[in-house]
Amino acid sequence: MRYVIGICIVTGFLIWDGAYNEGRYVSYAVFELKRLTAMVGA
């Protein structure tokens, strides 16, 4: 049940971000992940 609640929260955030912010937060998160993996050297 915990996983279902977590998936619902993440899905709701993605829908909210895409609908009201043009995906700004998701793109920022992807950019940061790429930067961190480049820093680690992966």
PDB file of N, CA and C in Angstrom:
ATOM      1  N   MET A   1       0.826  -1.207   0.000  1.00  0.00           N
ATOM      2  CA  MET A   1       0.000   0.000   0.000  1.00  0.00           C
ATOM      3  C   MET A   1       0.861   1.257   0.000  1.00  0.00           C
ATOM      4  N   ARG A   2       2.016   1.184   0.675  1.00  0.00           N
ATOM      5  CA  ARG A   2       2.916   2.355   0.682  1.00  0.00           C
ATOM      6  C   ARG A   2       3.364   2.709  -0.720  1.00  0.00           C
ATOM      7  N   TYR A   3       3.649   1.674  -1.525  1.00  0.00           N
ATOM      8  CA  TYR A   3       4.130   1.926  -2.879  1.00  0.00           C
ATOM      9  C   TYR A   3       3.058   2.576  -3.734  1.00  0.00           C
ATOM     10  N   VAL A   4       1.816   2.156  -3.548  1.00  0.00           N
ATOM     11  CA  VAL A   4       0.714   2.732  -4.320  1.00  0.00           C
ATOM     12  C   VAL A   4       0.569   4.216  -3.984  1.00  0.00           C
ATOM     13  N   ILE A   5       0.658   4.559  -2.715  1.00  0.00           N
ATOM     14  CA  ILE A   5       0.555   5.966  -2.306  1.00  0.00           C
ATOM     15  C   ILE A   5       1.722   6.762  -2.891  1.00  0.00           C
ATOM     16  N   GLY A   6       2.928   6.199  -2.834  1.00  0.00           N
ATOM     17  CA  GLY A   6       4.099   6.881  -3.391  1.00  0.00           C
ATOM     18  C   GLY A   6       3.978   7.110  -4.883  1.00  0.00           C
ATOM     19  N   ILE A   7       3.508   6.094  -5.603  1.00  0.00           N
ATOM     20  CA  ILE A   7       3.334   6.225  -7.052  1.00  0.00           C
ATOM     21  C   ILE A   7       2.279   7.278  -7.366  1.00  0.00           C
ATOM     22  N   CYS A   8       1.203   7.312  -6.590  1.00  0.00           N
ATOM     23  CA  CYS A   8       0.160   8.317  -6.805  1.00  0.00           C
ATOM     24  C   CYS A   8       0.683   9.731  -6.560  1.00  0.00           C
ATOM     25  N   ILE A   9       1.511   9.900  -5.525  1.00  0.00           N
ATOM     26  CA  ILE A   9       2.074  11.219  -5.239  1.00  0.00           C
ATOM     27  C   ILE A   9       2.995  11.657  -6.377  1.00  0.00           C
ATOM     28  N   VAL A  10       3.868  10.764  -6.828  1.00  0.00           N
ATOM     29  CA  VAL A  10       4.794  11.107  -7.911  1.00  0.00           C
ATOM     30  C   VAL A  10       4.026  11.411  -9.192  1.00  0.00           C
ATOM     31  N   THR A  11       3.025  10.599  -9.512  1.00  0.00           N
ATOM     32  CA  THR A  11       2.232  10.836 -10.714  1.00  0.00           C
ATOM     33  C   THR A  11       1.488  12.157 -10.632  1.00  0.00           C
ATOM     34  N   GLY A  12       0.926  12.449  -9.474  1.00  0.00           N
ATOM     35  CA  GLY A  12       0.229  13.728  -9.297  1.00  0.00           C
ATOM     36  C   GLY A  12       1.173  14.903  -9.460  1.00  0.00           C
ATOM     37  N   PHE A  13       2.399  14.774  -8.932  1.00  0.00           N
ATOM     38  CA  PHE A  13       3.378  15.849  -9.088  1.00  0.00           C
ATOM     39  C   PHE A  13       3.745  16.045 -10.554  1.00  0.00           C
ATOM     40  N   LEU A  14       3.957  14.936 -11.275  1.00  0.00           N
ATOM     41  CA  LEU A  14       4.324  15.049 -12.689  1.00  0.00           C
ATOM     42  C   LEU A  14       3.209  15.689 -13.507  1.00  0.00           C
ATOM     43  N   ILE A  15       1.966  15.331 -13.222  1.00  0.00           N
ATOM     44  CA  ILE A  15       0.830  15.923 -13.933  1.00  0.00           C
ATOM     45  C   ILE A  15       0.723  17.406 -13.602  1.00  0.00           C
ATOM     46  N   TRP A  16       0.867  17.755 -12.319  1.00  0.00           N
ATOM     47  CA  TRP A  16       0.795  19.159 -11.906  1.00  0.00           C
ATOM     48  C   TRP A  16       1.907  19.979 -12.556  1.00  0.00           C
ATOM     49  N   ASP A  17       3.126  19.430 -12.554  1.00  0.00           N
ATOM     50  CA  ASP A  17       4.256  20.144 -13.123  1.00  0.00           C
ATOM     51  C   ASP A  17       4.071  20.345 -14.626  1.00  0.00           C
ATOM     52  N   GLY A  18       3.633  19.320 -15.314  1.00  0.00           N
ATOM     53  CA  GLY A  18       3.431  19.435 -16.755  1.00  0.00           C
ATOM     54  C   GLY A  18       2.299  20.376 -17.114  1.00  0.00           C
ATOM     55  N   ALA A  19       1.249  20.388 -16.306  1.00  0.00           N
ATOM     56  CA  ALA A  19       0.074  21.195 -16.641  1.00  0.00           C
ATOM     57  C   ALA A  19       0.266  22.664 -16.293  1.00  0.00           C
ATOM     58  N   TYR A  20       0.921  22.955 -15.166  1.00  0.00           N
ATOM     59  CA  TYR A  20       0.967  24.335 -14.696  1.00  0.00           C
ATOM     60  C   TYR A  20       2.332  24.998 -14.823  1.00  0.00           C
ATOM     61  N   ASN A  21       3.399  24.222 -14.997  1.00  0.00           N
ATOM     62  CA  ASN A  21       4.741  24.805 -15.027  1.00  0.00           C
ATOM     63  C   ASN A  21       5.516  24.452 -16.287  1.00  0.00           C
ATOM     64  N   GLU A  22       4.852  23.892 -17.283  1.00  0.00           N
ATOM     65  CA  GLU A  22       5.499  23.460 -18.527  1.00  0.00           C
ATOM     66  C   GLU A  22       6.661  22.497 -18.260  1.00  0.00           C
ATOM     67  N   GLY A  23       6.566  21.715 -17.203  1.00  0.00           N
ATOM     68  CA  GLY A  23       7.587  20.711 -16.899  1.00  0.00           C
ATOM     69  C   GLY A  23       8.892  21.290 -16.382  1.00  0.00           C
ATOM     70  N   ARG A  24       8.846  22.468 -15.801  1.00  0.00           N
ATOM     71  CA  ARG A  24      10.070  23.158 -15.355  1.00  0.00           C
ATOM     72  C   ARG A  24      10.815  22.353 -14.294  1.00  0.00           C
ATOM     73  N   TYR A  25      10.106  21.846 -13.297  1.00  0.00           N
ATOM     74  CA  TYR A  25      10.769  21.143 -12.204  1.00  0.00           C
ATOM     75  C   TYR A  25      11.333  19.803 -12.649  1.00  0.00           C
ATOM     76  N   VAL A  26      10.613  19.115 -13.537  1.00  0.00           N
ATOM     77  CA  VAL A  26      11.110  17.823 -14.023  1.00  0.00           C
ATOM     78  C   VAL A  26      12.371  18.035 -14.845  1.00  0.00           C
ATOM     79  N   SER A  27      12.391  19.057 -15.718  1.00  0.00           N
ATOM     80  CA  SER A  27      13.600  19.303 -16.515  1.00  0.00           C
ATOM     81  C   SER A  27      14.774  19.686 -15.635  1.00  0.00           C
ATOM     82  N   TYR A  28      14.512  20.468 -14.586  1.00  0.00           N
ATOM     83  CA  TYR A  28      15.580  20.853 -13.667  1.00  0.00           C
ATOM     84  C   TYR A  28      16.130  19.618 -12.948  1.00  0.00           C
ATOM     85  N   ALA A  29      15.246  18.719 -12.536  1.00  0.00           N
ATOM     86  CA  ALA A  29      15.687  17.505 -11.849  1.00  0.00           C
ATOM     87  C   ALA A  29      16.527  16.633 -12.780  1.00  0.00           C
ATOM     88  N   VAL A  30      16.116  16.497 -14.037  1.00  0.00           N
ATOM     89  CA  VAL A  30      16.883  15.700 -15.000  1.00  0.00           C
ATOM     90  C   VAL A  30      18.243  16.337 -15.236  1.00  0.00           C
ATOM     91  N   PHE A  31      18.283  17.660 -15.364  1.00  0.00           N
ATOM     92  CA  PHE A  31      19.548  18.373 -15.560  1.00  0.00           C
ATOM     93  C   PHE A  31      20.496  18.135 -14.382  1.00  0.00           C
ATOM     94  N   GLU A  32      19.967  18.212 -13.165  1.00  0.00           N
ATOM     95  CA  GLU A  32      20.800  17.993 -11.977  1.00  0.00           C
ATOM     96  C   GLU A  32      21.304  16.558 -11.911  1.00  0.00           C
ATOM     97  N   LEU A  33      20.466  15.595 -12.254  1.00  0.00           N
ATOM     98  CA  LEU A  33      20.915  14.190 -12.244  1.00  0.00           C
ATOM     99  C   LEU A  33      22.034  13.967 -13.238  1.00  0.00           C
ATOM    100  N   LYS A  34      21.916  14.558 -14.440  1.00  0.00           N
ATOM    101  CA  LYS A  34      22.970  14.413 -15.438  1.00  0.00           C
ATOM    102  C   LYS A  34      24.254  15.057 -14.932  1.00  0.00           C
ATOM    103  N   ARG A  35      24.138  16.215 -14.279  1.00  0.00           N
ATOM    104  CA  ARG A  35      25.328  16.899 -13.773  1.00  0.00           C
ATOM    105  C   ARG A  35      25.999  16.066 -12.675  1.00  0.00           C
ATOM    106  N   LEU A  36      25.188  15.488 -11.781  1.00  0.00           N
ATOM    107  CA  LEU A  36      25.760  14.675 -10.705  1.00  0.00           C
ATOM    108  C   LEU A  36      26.433  13.410 -11.238  1.00  0.00           C
ATOM    109  N   THR A  37      25.827  12.762 -12.230  1.00  0.00           N
ATOM    110  CA  THR A  37      26.455  11.554 -12.782  1.00  0.00           C
ATOM    111  C   THR A  37      27.737  11.902 -13.513  1.00  0.00           C
ATOM    112  N   ALA A  38      27.774  13.065 -14.172  1.00  0.00           N
ATOM    113  CA  ALA A  38      29.010  13.488 -14.835  1.00  0.00           C
ATOM    114  C   ALA A  38      30.082  13.792 -13.788  1.00  0.00           C
ATOM    115  N   MET A  39      29.669  14.340 -12.655  1.00  0.00           N
ATOM    116  CA  MET A  39      30.635  14.658 -11.598  1.00  0.00           C
ATOM    117  C   MET A  39      31.225  13.384 -11.001  1.00  0.00           C
ATOM    118  N   VAL A  40      30.389  12.367 -10.840  1.00  0.00           N
ATOM    119  CA  VAL A  40      30.847  11.107 -10.274  1.00  0.00           C
ATOM    120  C   VAL A  40      31.725  10.372 -11.295  1.00  0.00           C
ATOM    121  N   GLY A  41      31.441  10.563 -12.570  1.00  0.00           N
ATOM    122  CA  GLY A  41      32.250   9.955 -13.620  1.00  0.00           C
ATOM    123  C   GLY A  41      31.588   8.761 -14.269  1.00  0.00           C
ATOM    124  N   ALA A  42      30.293   8.620 -14.068  1.00  0.00           N
ATOM    125  CA  ALA A  42      29.591   7.480 -14.665  1.00  0.00           C
ATOM    126  C   ALA A  42      29.229   7.765 -16.105  1.00  0.00           C
TER     127      ALA A  42
END
